């Protein structure tokens, strides 16, 4: 399972809790404070799985 969170925020408590519960292989913050939207959309899809 992968997780993507897209919102302009710097607090990641919700994402951290999600990761504790579901143990995704990877997770990304898309937008301010994380990877840019264009960078995420042009990312090698194999990194998502």
PDB file of N, CA and C in Angstrom:
ATOM      1  N   UNK A   1       0.842  -1.171   0.000  1.00  0.00           N
ATOM      2  CA  UNK A   1       0.000   0.000   0.000  1.00  0.00           C
ATOM      3  C   UNK A   1       0.889   1.236   0.000  1.00  0.00           C
ATOM      4  N   UNK A   2       0.510   2.220  -0.763  1.00  0.00           N
ATOM      5  CA  UNK A   2       1.211   3.492  -0.806  1.00  0.00           C
ATOM      6  C   UNK A   2       0.285   4.580  -0.301  1.00  0.00           C
ATOM      7  N   UNK A   3       0.860   5.674   0.071  1.00  0.00           N
ATOM      8  CA  UNK A   3       0.085   6.774   0.615  1.00  0.00           C
ATOM      9  C   UNK A   3       0.579   8.073   0.013  1.00  0.00           C
ATOM     10  N   UNK A   4      -0.347   8.912  -0.398  1.00  0.00           N
ATOM     11  CA  UNK A   4      -0.007  10.241  -0.891  1.00  0.00           C
ATOM     12  C   UNK A   4      -0.897  11.229  -0.155  1.00  0.00           C
ATOM     13  N   UNK A   5      -0.287  12.264   0.373  1.00  0.00           N
ATOM     14  CA  UNK A   5      -1.041  13.307   1.061  1.00  0.00           C
ATOM     15  C   UNK A   5      -0.755  14.607   0.347  1.00  0.00           C
ATOM     16  N   UNK A   6      -1.776  15.292  -0.075  1.00  0.00           N
ATOM     17  CA  UNK A   6      -1.593  16.534  -0.810  1.00  0.00           C
ATOM     18  C   UNK A   6      -2.343  17.649  -0.097  1.00  0.00           C
ATOM     19  N   UNK A   7      -1.609  18.499   0.551  1.00  0.00           N
ATOM     20  CA  UNK A   7      -2.212  19.638   1.232  1.00  0.00           C
ATOM     21  C   UNK A   7      -1.090  20.560   1.665  1.00  0.00           C
ATOM     22  N   UNK A   8      -1.371  21.838   1.687  1.00  0.00           N
ATOM     23  CA  UNK A   8      -0.378  22.805   2.134  1.00  0.00           C
ATOM     24  C   UNK A   8      -0.364  22.803   3.657  1.00  0.00           C
ATOM     25  N   UNK A   9       0.568  22.057   4.210  1.00  0.00           N
ATOM     26  CA  UNK A   9       0.710  21.999   5.653  1.00  0.00           C
ATOM     27  C   UNK A   9       2.093  21.479   5.996  1.00  0.00           C
ATOM     28  N   UNK A  10       2.510  21.750   7.190  1.00  0.00           N
ATOM     29  CA  UNK A  10       3.817  21.293   7.622  1.00  0.00           C
ATOM     30  C   UNK A  10       3.712  20.303   8.771  1.00  0.00           C
ATOM     31  N   UNK A  11       2.545  20.182   9.371  1.00  0.00           N
ATOM     32  CA  UNK A  11       2.336  19.208  10.425  1.00  0.00           C
ATOM     33  C   UNK A  11       1.983  17.875   9.771  1.00  0.00           C
ATOM     34  N   UNK A  12       2.663  16.827  10.189  1.00  0.00           N
ATOM     35  CA  UNK A  12       2.434  15.532   9.555  1.00  0.00           C
ATOM     36  C   UNK A  12       1.907  14.495  10.539  1.00  0.00           C
ATOM     37  N   UNK A  13       1.308  14.920  11.631  1.00  0.00           N
ATOM     38  CA  UNK A  13       0.814  13.973  12.637  1.00  0.00           C
ATOM     39  C   UNK A  13      -0.181  12.989  12.035  1.00  0.00           C
ATOM     40  N   UNK A  14      -1.072  13.465  11.181  1.00  0.00           N
ATOM     41  CA  UNK A  14      -2.057  12.584  10.547  1.00  0.00           C
ATOM     42  C   UNK A  14      -1.394  11.553   9.651  1.00  0.00           C
ATOM     43  N   UNK A  15      -0.416  12.006   8.875  1.00  0.00           N
ATOM     44  CA  UNK A  15       0.315  11.093   8.001  1.00  0.00           C
ATOM     45  C   UNK A  15       1.120  10.106   8.830  1.00  0.00           C
ATOM     46  N   UNK A  16       1.739  10.580   9.890  1.00  0.00           N
ATOM     47  CA  UNK A  16       2.514   9.691  10.765  1.00  0.00           C
ATOM     48  C   UNK A  16       1.618   8.608  11.374  1.00  0.00           C
ATOM     49  N   UNK A  17       0.438   8.983  11.822  1.00  0.00           N
ATOM     50  CA  UNK A  17      -0.506   8.018  12.402  1.00  0.00           C
ATOM     51  C   UNK A  17      -0.958   7.019  11.349  1.00  0.00           C
ATOM     52  N   UNK A  18      -1.258   7.490  10.142  1.00  0.00           N
ATOM     53  CA  UNK A  18      -1.659   6.608   9.043  1.00  0.00           C
ATOM     54  C   UNK A  18      -0.564   5.585   8.774  1.00  0.00           C
ATOM     55  N   UNK A  19       0.687   6.057   8.756  1.00  0.00           N
ATOM     56  CA  UNK A  19       1.813   5.159   8.502  1.00  0.00           C
ATOM     57  C   UNK A  19       1.956   4.119   9.606  1.00  0.00           C
ATOM     58  N   UNK A  20       1.711   4.502  10.856  1.00  0.00           N
ATOM     59  CA  UNK A  20       1.775   3.552  11.975  1.00  0.00           C
ATOM     60  C   UNK A  20       0.717   2.461  11.831  1.00  0.00           C
ATOM     61  N   UNK A  21      -0.475   2.858  11.452  1.00  0.00           N
ATOM     62  CA  UNK A  21      -1.593   1.913  11.371  1.00  0.00           C
ATOM     63  C   UNK A  21      -1.489   1.008  10.145  1.00  0.00           C
ATOM     64  N   UNK A  22      -1.196   1.589   8.964  1.00  0.00           N
ATOM     65  CA  UNK A  22      -1.273   0.833   7.719  1.00  0.00           C
ATOM     66  C   UNK A  22       0.073   0.375   7.156  1.00  0.00           C
ATOM     67  N   UNK A  23       1.173   0.883   7.698  1.00  0.00           N
ATOM     68  CA  UNK A  23       2.530   0.493   7.271  1.00  0.00           C
ATOM     69  C   UNK A  23       2.699   0.486   5.743  1.00  0.00           C
ATOM     70  N   UNK A  24       2.447   1.627   5.082  1.00  0.00           N
ATOM     71  CA  UNK A  24       2.630   1.658   3.629  1.00  0.00           C
ATOM     72  C   UNK A  24       4.102   1.489   3.269  1.00  0.00           C
ATOM     73  N   UNK A  25       4.351   0.968   2.084  1.00  0.00           N
ATOM     74  CA  UNK A  25       5.727   0.800   1.595  1.00  0.00           C
ATOM     75  C   UNK A  25       6.417   2.152   1.506  1.00  0.00           C
ATOM     76  N   UNK A  26       5.686   3.151   1.057  1.00  0.00           N
ATOM     77  CA  UNK A  26       6.234   4.500   0.933  1.00  0.00           C
ATOM     78  C   UNK A  26       5.110   5.506   1.117  1.00  0.00           C
ATOM     79  N   UNK A  27       5.483   6.732   1.380  1.00  0.00           N
ATOM     80  CA  UNK A  27       4.497   7.800   1.486  1.00  0.00           C
ATOM     81  C   UNK A  27       5.164   9.093   1.039  1.00  0.00           C
ATOM     82  N   UNK A  28       4.368   9.997   0.515  1.00  0.00           N
ATOM     83  CA  UNK A  28       4.876  11.250  -0.021  1.00  0.00           C
ATOM     84  C   UNK A  28       3.980  12.390   0.430  1.00  0.00           C
ATOM     85  N   UNK A  29       4.561  13.518   0.714  1.00  0.00           N
ATOM     86  CA  UNK A  29       3.801  14.750   0.892  1.00  0.00           C
ATOM     87  C   UNK A  29       3.973  15.514  -0.408  1.00  0.00           C
ATOM     88  N   UNK A  30       2.856  15.790  -1.057  1.00  0.00           N
ATOM     89  CA  UNK A  30       2.885  16.476  -2.342  1.00  0.00           C
ATOM     90  C   UNK A  30       2.445  17.911  -2.136  1.00  0.00           C
ATOM     91  N   UNK A  31       3.267  18.853  -2.571  1.00  0.00           N
ATOM     92  CA  UNK A  31       2.954  20.268  -2.425  1.00  0.00           C
ATOM     93  C   UNK A  31       3.955  20.940  -1.510  1.00  0.00           C
ATOM     94  N   UNK A  32       3.565  22.055  -0.929  1.00  0.00           N
ATOM     95  CA  UNK A  32       4.461  22.797  -0.038  1.00  0.00           C
ATOM     96  C   UNK A  32       4.957  21.913   1.092  1.00  0.00           C
ATOM     97  N   UNK A  33       6.235  21.935   1.342  1.00  0.00           N
ATOM     98  CA  UNK A  33       6.817  21.125   2.400  1.00  0.00           C
ATOM     99  C   UNK A  33       7.153  19.717   1.972  1.00  0.00           C
ATOM    100  N   UNK A  34       6.891  19.387   0.723  1.00  0.00           N
ATOM    101  CA  UNK A  34       7.173  18.046   0.216  1.00  0.00           C
ATOM    102  C   UNK A  34       7.606  18.117  -1.232  1.00  0.00           C
ATOM    103  N   UNK A  35       7.381  17.055  -1.956  1.00  0.00           N
ATOM    104  CA  UNK A  35       7.728  17.013  -3.371  1.00  0.00           C
ATOM    105  C   UNK A  35       6.729  17.860  -4.152  1.00  0.00           C
ATOM    106  N   UNK A  36       7.204  18.591  -5.138  1.00  0.00           N
ATOM    107  CA  UNK A  36       6.314  19.413  -5.952  1.00  0.00           C
ATOM    108  C   UNK A  36       5.369  18.557  -6.778  1.00  0.00           C
ATOM    109  N   UNK A  37       4.222  19.112  -7.111  1.00  0.00           N
ATOM    110  CA  UNK A  37       3.216  18.384  -7.887  1.00  0.00           C
ATOM    111  C   UNK A  37       3.806  17.908  -9.210  1.00  0.00           C
ATOM    112  N   UNK A  38       4.505  18.779  -9.917  1.00  0.00           N
ATOM    113  CA  UNK A  38       5.097  18.388 -11.201  1.00  0.00           C
ATOM    114  C   UNK A  38       6.127  17.280 -11.014  1.00  0.00           C
ATOM    115  N   UNK A  39       6.925  17.382  -9.971  1.00  0.00           N
ATOM    116  CA  UNK A  39       7.907  16.344  -9.683  1.00  0.00           C
ATOM    117  C   UNK A  39       7.252  15.010  -9.371  1.00  0.00           C
ATOM    118  N   UNK A  40       6.166  15.064  -8.616  1.00  0.00           N
ATOM    119  CA  UNK A  40       5.437  13.836  -8.277  1.00  0.00           C
ATOM    120  C   UNK A  40       4.825  13.209  -9.527  1.00  0.00           C
ATOM    121  N   UNK A  41       4.189  14.044 -10.349  1.00  0.00           N
ATOM    122  CA  UNK A  41       3.533  13.516 -11.542  1.00  0.00           C
ATOM    123  C   UNK A  41       4.513  12.997 -12.589  1.00  0.00           C
ATOM    124  N   UNK A  42       5.751  13.477 -12.549  1.00  0.00           N
ATOM    125  CA  UNK A  42       6.737  12.988 -13.512  1.00  0.00           C
ATOM    126  C   UNK A  42       7.633  11.901 -12.900  1.00  0.00           C
ATOM    127  N   UNK A  43       7.329  11.499 -11.680  1.00  0.00           N
ATOM    128  CA  UNK A  43       8.115  10.491 -10.973  1.00  0.00           C
ATOM    129  C   UNK A  43       7.985   9.120 -11.650  1.00  0.00           C
ATOM    130  N   UNK A  44       9.029   8.327 -11.547  1.00  0.00           N
ATOM    131  CA  UNK A  44       9.002   6.968 -12.045  1.00  0.00           C
ATOM    132  C   UNK A  44       7.944   6.192 -11.265  1.00  0.00           C
ATOM    133  N   UNK A  45       6.915   5.715 -11.949  1.00  0.00           N
ATOM    134  CA  UNK A  45       5.782   5.076 -11.289  1.00  0.00           C
ATOM    135  C   UNK A  45       6.192   3.853 -10.479  1.00  0.00           C
ATOM    136  N   UNK A  46       7.291   3.228 -10.835  1.00  0.00           N
ATOM    137  CA  UNK A  46       7.730   2.045 -10.081  1.00  0.00           C
ATOM    138  C   UNK A  46       8.121   2.409  -8.651  1.00  0.00           C
ATOM    139  N   UNK A  47       8.402   3.673  -8.358  1.00  0.00           N
ATOM    140  CA  UNK A  47       8.703   4.105  -6.996  1.00  0.00           C
ATOM    141  C   UNK A  47       7.462   4.144  -6.118  1.00  0.00           C
ATOM    142  N   UNK A  48       6.301   4.091  -6.740  1.00  0.00           N
ATOM    143  CA  UNK A  48       5.054   4.141  -5.993  1.00  0.00           C
ATOM    144  C   UNK A  48       4.589   2.773  -5.512  1.00  0.00           C
ATOM    145  N   UNK A  49       5.166   1.719  -6.064  1.00  0.00           N
ATOM    146  CA  UNK A  49       4.697   0.367  -5.740  1.00  0.00           C
ATOM    147  C   UNK A  49       5.803  -0.523  -5.265  1.00  0.00           C
TER     148      UNK A  49
END
